Protein backbone atom coordinates (compact mmCIF):
# COMPACT_ATOMS: atom_id res chain seq x y z
CA MET A 1 143.17 7.36 163.27
CA GLY A 2 142.34 6.76 159.72
CA ILE A 3 143.96 7.98 155.78
CA GLN A 4 142.21 7.64 152.67
CA VAL A 5 143.81 7.48 149.51
CA ARG A 6 141.67 9.09 146.62
CA LEU A 7 142.77 8.88 143.15
CA GLU A 8 141.82 12.29 142.48
CA PRO A 9 144.00 15.10 142.21
CA LYS A 10 143.63 18.94 143.39
CA SER A 11 141.96 19.35 139.93
CA LYS A 12 139.74 16.53 139.48
CA ALA A 13 139.23 17.15 135.28
CA GLU A 14 143.04 16.62 135.31
CA PHE A 15 143.02 13.56 136.53
CA ILE A 16 140.12 12.34 134.60
CA SER A 17 141.85 13.21 131.22
CA ALA A 18 144.81 11.62 132.63
CA ILE A 19 143.03 8.21 133.78
CA GLN A 20 140.99 8.36 130.46
CA LYS A 21 144.34 8.35 128.53
CA PHE A 22 145.72 5.52 130.72
CA ALA A 23 142.76 3.29 130.13
CA ALA A 24 142.83 3.77 126.09
CA ARG A 25 146.51 3.30 126.00
CA SER A 26 146.16 0.56 128.11
CA LYS A 27 143.68 -1.19 126.64
CA GLN A 28 141.60 -1.23 129.42
CA THR A 29 137.89 0.33 130.57
CA LEU A 30 137.95 3.00 132.40
CA ARG A 31 136.46 1.00 135.86
CA ASP A 32 139.36 -1.27 135.66
CA ALA A 33 141.86 1.12 134.74
CA THR A 34 140.69 3.06 137.77
CA LEU A 35 140.85 -0.42 139.83
CA GLU A 36 144.48 -1.20 138.42
CA GLN A 37 145.63 2.39 140.02
CA ALA A 38 143.46 1.89 143.14
CA ALA A 39 145.51 -1.66 143.94
CA LEU A 40 148.80 -0.09 143.31
CA ALA A 41 147.94 3.01 145.26
CA CYS A 42 147.59 0.52 148.36
CA GLN A 43 150.74 -1.00 147.68
CA ASP A 44 152.31 2.23 147.34
CA ALA A 45 150.67 3.44 150.68
CA ALA A 46 152.31 0.46 152.37
CA LYS A 47 155.80 1.34 150.95
CA PHE A 48 155.36 4.98 151.96
CA THR A 49 154.39 4.33 155.62
CA PRO A 50 156.82 3.99 158.35
CA PRO A 51 158.97 2.07 159.03
CA LEU A 52 160.90 2.56 155.95
CA ALA A 53 164.57 1.50 155.48
CA LYS A 54 167.58 3.97 156.37
CA GLY A 55 167.47 6.59 153.99
CA GLY A 56 164.03 6.60 153.53
CA GLY A 57 163.90 3.13 151.03
CA ASN A 58 161.40 0.96 149.96
CA GLY A 59 158.94 0.60 153.07
CA LEU A 60 158.11 -3.61 152.14
CA SER A 61 162.12 -4.49 152.11
CA PRO A 62 163.25 -6.58 155.27
CA ALA A 63 165.65 -3.37 156.12
CA ALA A 64 162.50 -1.71 156.69
CA LYS A 65 161.32 -4.46 158.98
CA LYS A 66 165.12 -4.34 160.60
CA ALA A 67 164.61 -0.47 160.72
CA GLY A 68 160.77 -1.11 163.22
CA GLU A 69 162.23 -3.38 165.08
CA LYS A 70 165.19 -1.37 166.01
CA ALA A 71 162.98 1.75 166.75
CA ILE A 72 161.26 -0.56 169.11
CA ASP A 73 164.51 -1.34 170.86
CA ARG A 74 165.77 2.08 170.82
CA ASP A 75 162.37 3.56 172.23
CA VAL A 76 162.39 0.95 175.05
CA GLY A 77 166.08 1.54 175.96
CA LYS A 78 165.03 5.48 176.45
CA VAL A 79 162.93 4.45 179.23
CA ILE A 80 164.03 1.51 180.78
CA ALA A 81 167.62 -0.08 181.28
CA PRO A 82 169.14 -3.05 182.90
CA LEU A 83 170.36 -3.18 186.53
CA THR A 84 174.44 -3.88 184.71
CA GLY A 85 173.44 -1.62 181.77
CA GLY A 86 175.47 1.74 181.18
CA THR A 87 178.90 2.76 181.92
CA ARG A 88 180.80 1.30 184.97
CA LYS A 89 179.96 4.38 186.85
CA THR A 90 176.47 4.41 185.95
CA GLN A 91 176.22 0.62 186.56
CA GLN A 92 178.11 1.08 190.40
CA ALA A 93 175.56 3.82 190.99
CA ARG A 94 172.87 1.72 190.17
CA PHE A 95 174.00 -1.34 192.55
CA ILE A 96 174.78 1.04 195.29
CA LYS A 97 171.29 2.28 195.26
CA ARG A 98 169.20 -1.25 195.14
CA LEU A 99 171.48 -2.63 197.84
CA GLY A 100 170.72 0.19 199.88
CA SER A 101 167.03 0.04 199.41
CA LEU A 102 167.03 -3.72 199.82
CA ALA A 103 169.09 -3.33 203.05
CA LEU A 104 167.40 -0.54 204.58
CA ASN A 105 163.91 -2.38 203.63
CA ASP A 106 165.79 -5.84 205.11
CA ASN A 107 165.03 -7.62 202.60
CA ALA A 108 167.59 -10.13 202.95
CA SER A 109 167.09 -12.74 200.63
CA LEU A 110 166.74 -10.55 197.54
CA PHE A 111 170.00 -8.85 198.69
CA TRP A 112 171.89 -11.46 198.30
CA LYS A 113 170.47 -12.34 195.01
CA VAL A 114 171.19 -9.05 193.62
CA ALA A 115 174.82 -8.78 195.30
CA ALA A 116 175.44 -12.00 193.34
CA LYS A 117 175.05 -10.58 190.01
CA GLY A 118 177.47 -7.45 190.89
CA SER A 119 180.08 -8.10 192.83
CA SER A 120 182.69 -7.40 189.95
CA VAL A 121 180.69 -4.27 189.21
CA LEU A 122 181.21 -3.00 192.38
CA ASN A 123 185.29 -3.11 192.32
CA GLY A 124 185.88 0.44 192.61
CA ASN A 125 184.29 0.30 196.09
CA PRO A 126 187.08 -1.55 198.27
CA PHE A 127 185.15 -2.36 201.40
CA LEU A 128 181.87 -3.36 198.76
CA SER A 129 183.77 -5.18 196.39
CA ARG A 130 185.39 -7.43 199.16
CA VAL A 131 182.21 -8.27 201.33
CA LEU A 132 179.77 -9.11 198.72
CA SER A 133 182.14 -11.37 196.79
CA ASP A 134 180.78 -15.33 196.86
CA ARG A 135 184.63 -15.78 198.39
CA TYR A 136 183.82 -13.89 201.30
CA LYS A 137 182.82 -15.80 204.52
CA GLY A 138 179.87 -13.30 205.71
CA PHE A 139 178.14 -13.49 201.99
CA GLY A 140 174.52 -14.82 202.38
CA THR A 141 174.77 -14.83 206.15
CA VAL A 142 172.40 -13.36 208.74
CA TRP A 143 175.52 -11.17 210.47
CA GLY A 144 176.57 -10.37 207.10
CA PHE A 145 173.40 -8.70 206.05
CA LYS A 146 173.46 -7.31 209.32
CA LYS A 147 176.87 -5.34 208.61
CA LEU A 148 175.79 -4.53 205.20
CA ARG A 149 172.92 -2.77 206.30
CA ASN A 150 174.77 -0.73 208.55
CA TYR A 151 176.91 0.35 206.18
CA PHE A 152 174.14 1.71 204.63
CA ASN A 153 172.61 3.30 206.83
CA ARG A 154 175.82 4.97 207.60
CA ILE A 155 176.31 6.67 203.79
CA GLY A 156 172.79 7.77 204.31
CA THR A 157 169.54 6.90 202.54
CA LYS A 158 170.06 9.66 199.94
CA VAL A 159 172.99 7.84 198.49
CA SER A 160 172.27 4.25 199.19
CA GLY A 161 167.84 4.12 199.43
CA GLU A 162 166.14 5.44 196.94
CA LEU A 163 163.64 4.03 198.36
CA ASN A 164 160.57 5.06 195.65
CA GLN A 165 162.48 3.71 192.82
CA SER A 166 160.90 0.97 191.29
CA TYR A 167 162.95 -2.43 190.32
CA LEU A 168 161.30 -3.85 187.49
CA GLN A 169 160.98 -7.66 188.44
CA ASP A 170 159.39 -9.16 185.12
CA VAL A 171 157.65 -8.54 181.70
CA SER A 172 154.36 -7.34 182.87
CA GLN A 173 156.33 -4.35 185.19
CA ILE A 174 158.05 -3.52 182.34
CA ASN A 175 154.80 -3.04 180.26
CA ASN A 176 152.91 -0.89 183.59
CA VAL A 177 155.94 1.78 183.69
CA TYR A 178 156.62 1.55 179.40
CA ARG A 179 153.44 1.75 178.57
CA PRO A 180 151.73 5.56 179.63
CA ILE A 181 154.96 7.03 178.61
CA TYR A 182 154.52 5.56 175.30
CA ARG A 183 150.86 7.02 175.02
CA LYS A 184 151.83 10.64 176.48
CA THR A 185 154.59 10.94 173.61
CA GLY A 186 151.64 9.53 171.03
CA GLY A 187 154.23 6.86 170.77
CA ARG A 188 157.18 8.52 169.50
CA LEU A 189 159.81 8.39 172.00
CA TRP A 190 162.48 9.54 169.73
CA LYS A 191 161.61 12.87 167.72
CA ASN A 192 163.98 15.20 165.51
CA GLY A 193 166.93 13.77 166.72
CA ARG A 194 166.19 13.62 170.62
CA ASN A 195 164.53 11.77 173.53
CA VAL A 196 161.00 13.31 174.41
CA SER A 197 160.18 10.68 176.64
CA GLY A 198 161.15 12.74 179.69
CA ILE A 199 162.85 9.90 181.01
CA ASN A 200 167.39 10.67 181.16
CA SER A 201 170.16 8.01 182.21
CA MET A 202 170.01 8.56 185.63
CA ILE A 203 166.37 8.06 186.83
CA LYS A 204 165.43 5.63 184.20
CA TYR A 205 163.32 2.39 185.35
CA VAL A 206 165.91 -0.51 186.19
CA ALA A 207 164.61 -3.67 185.20
CA GLU A 208 166.35 -6.51 187.45
CA ASN A 209 166.61 -9.09 184.46
CA LYS A 210 168.21 -7.34 181.30
CA GLU A 211 166.42 -11.14 179.51
CA ASP A 212 163.01 -9.43 181.01
CA ILE A 213 163.83 -6.10 178.77
CA ALA A 214 164.38 -8.45 176.01
CA ALA A 215 161.70 -10.25 175.86
CA TYR A 216 159.54 -7.35 176.24
CA VAL A 217 161.28 -5.49 173.39
CA ALA A 218 160.69 -9.04 171.32
CA GLN A 219 157.07 -8.72 172.09
CA ARG A 220 156.81 -5.75 171.02
CA GLN A 221 158.73 -6.19 167.74
CA GLU A 222 155.95 -8.64 167.08
CA SER A 223 153.55 -5.74 165.39
CA VAL A 224 156.04 -4.22 163.50
CA GLY A 225 154.29 -3.73 159.87
CA ALA A 226 150.73 -4.00 161.95
CA ILE A 227 150.17 -0.37 160.38
CA LYS A 228 150.38 -1.67 156.69
CA SER A 229 148.30 -4.49 156.85
CA GLY A 230 145.45 -2.02 156.38
CA TRP A 231 146.30 -1.58 152.99
CA ALA A 232 146.69 -5.17 152.56
CA MET A 233 143.16 -5.52 153.46
CA ALA A 234 142.03 -2.51 151.73
CA LEU A 235 143.37 -4.12 148.62
CA LYS A 236 142.11 -7.72 149.13
CA SER A 237 138.79 -5.29 149.36
CA LEU A 238 139.09 -4.17 146.06
CA PRO A 239 137.67 -6.16 143.20
CA LYS A 240 140.32 -6.99 140.24
CA PRO A 241 140.39 -5.57 137.32
CA MET A 242 139.68 -7.28 134.22
CA ILE A 243 142.44 -7.51 131.57
CA SER A 244 141.30 -8.43 127.92
CA GLY A 245 138.58 -10.73 130.05
CA VAL A 246 140.84 -12.13 133.06
CA ALA A 247 140.77 -11.05 136.57
CA LYS A 248 144.29 -9.71 137.03
CA ASP A 249 146.53 -9.33 140.09
CA TYR A 250 148.00 -5.88 141.14
CA GLY A 251 150.11 -4.90 144.41
CA VAL A 252 150.95 -8.74 144.79
CA GLU A 253 154.48 -7.57 146.32
CA LEU A 254 152.18 -6.03 149.47
CA LEU A 255 150.37 -9.32 149.53
CA LYS A 256 153.52 -11.35 149.63
CA THR A 257 155.37 -9.18 152.14
CA ALA A 258 154.69 -12.00 155.41
CA TRP A 259 155.79 -9.78 157.91
CA ILE A 260 152.83 -7.10 157.26
CA THR A 261 150.30 -9.59 156.42
CA LYS A 262 150.36 -11.81 159.39
CA HIS A 263 148.23 -9.42 161.29
CA SER A 264 145.00 -8.91 161.09
CA SER A 265 143.96 -6.63 163.53
CA VAL A 266 144.30 -3.23 161.65
CA HIS A 267 141.44 -2.93 159.42
CA GLY A 268 141.44 -1.39 155.70
CA MET A 269 138.71 -1.07 153.23
CA SER A 270 137.41 0.38 149.86
CA GLN A 271 134.44 1.76 148.51
CA THR A 272 133.68 1.87 145.04
CA ALA A 273 131.06 3.52 142.66
CA PHE A 274 131.01 3.24 139.31
CA GLY A 275 128.42 4.98 136.67
CA GLN A 276 128.68 6.10 132.85
CA ASN A 277 130.21 9.48 133.64
CA SER A 278 131.88 8.70 136.82
CA ASN A 279 134.55 6.53 138.43
CA ASN A 280 135.10 6.78 142.61
CA VAL A 281 137.30 4.62 144.36
CA VAL A 282 138.40 5.41 148.13
CA VAL A 283 140.83 3.19 149.93
CA THR A 284 141.17 3.64 153.91
CA ASN A 285 143.46 2.34 155.95
CA MET A 286 141.89 2.68 159.50
CA ASN A 287 144.64 3.46 161.54
CA GLY A 288 147.07 4.35 158.95
CA ASN A 289 147.64 7.72 160.29
CA ILE A 290 147.94 6.98 164.47
CA ASN A 291 150.02 9.37 165.78
CA GLY A 292 150.59 11.36 162.52
CA ILE A 293 153.11 9.41 161.31
CA ALA A 294 151.29 9.47 157.54
CA ASP A 295 151.22 13.21 157.83
CA GLN A 296 154.65 13.36 158.64
CA ALA A 297 156.28 10.75 156.46
CA GLY A 298 153.61 12.67 153.55
CA VAL A 299 152.13 9.33 152.67
CA ILE A 300 149.26 10.69 150.62
CA GLY A 301 151.28 13.13 148.18
CA LEU A 302 153.93 10.45 147.54
CA VAL A 303 151.28 7.95 146.41
CA TYR A 304 149.76 10.49 144.11
CA ALA A 305 152.80 11.24 142.90
CA ASN A 306 153.69 7.93 142.37
CA ARG A 307 150.52 6.99 140.88
CA ILE A 308 151.12 10.06 138.05
CA LYS A 309 154.29 8.58 137.00
CA GLN A 310 153.67 5.28 137.18
CA MET A 311 150.91 5.86 134.39
CA PRO A 312 152.85 6.89 131.01
CA ALA A 313 155.66 4.31 132.47
CA ARG A 314 152.97 1.72 132.15
CA VAL A 315 151.57 2.68 128.93
CA ARG A 316 155.67 2.68 127.42
CA PHE A 317 155.80 -1.05 128.82
CA LEU A 318 152.80 -2.11 127.18
CA VAL A 319 153.40 -0.22 123.88
CA GLN A 320 156.63 -1.93 123.90
CA GLN A 321 155.05 -5.18 124.30
CA ASP A 322 152.74 -4.81 120.90
CA ILE A 323 156.16 -3.52 118.87
CA ASN A 324 158.04 -6.80 120.24
CA LYS A 325 155.11 -8.83 118.88
CA PHE A 326 154.96 -6.83 115.51
CA ASN A 327 159.07 -7.29 115.29
CA LYS A 328 158.56 -11.06 115.53
CA LYS A 329 156.19 -11.42 112.77
């Protein structure tokens, strides 16, 4: 979903008056003053688009990038857990269910691989902790597997089997179960302080190897900053304002933020129309409001408020420069 920043307030006349005063006092043409503010609006929009640093801080900072990465780690963890994850009680329940499923399906080779990882987890079960120890003479043998299969048959499939539960074997399988839930929740598995994924701790999907979860999280974390990058592309597409006959760069803080500008999949653009009586600039980020993140963060209002605030500050800075030059004479 695209989002546009139009440099016009609720009262167009009010804005025209503001930008005219800014242009005159900053010694710029109306065209160049408008382009300067459009460039800075792109930078503001990237700053105010999530992820943001804790407390709503600078969205171009390393802390904002880290916040985005943590959010991905947290969201994946709401849906998928490692076989060895959670409390000791949860780990034991998962191991018993997993081993029971493998035993009842006669999958001896994978049964022993899983058993080798989890013998210490099952210390609360005297029988299993003993026979699943690699020091047990029946470990890895045909007759040892039969003995354990009989054990799981006795305690029942309800406790030990859960034959329909998926145990994920690699990163692609993790993606196959996570992506539909991600889409269903609009990419926001954690809203207003609560888990909305529909997956609680006891029905999470279980990954056989925690390393696969880490690899999947790292893969998804590469996308942090992609949505903001549309603003960088829009900024690059703008004509540069001319100050005293020299083309000037504005929004350079955004353009120097590598974790944002490395992305090219999100498109941004600008449209400009300048005439004797009007100046119109529209900058657009084609994915800037995906899953409603910009609406929720109030990006447009923040951009507008910041530009109105910063224009007088910019004029004061330029006036102070002139004062300093005069005082040096």
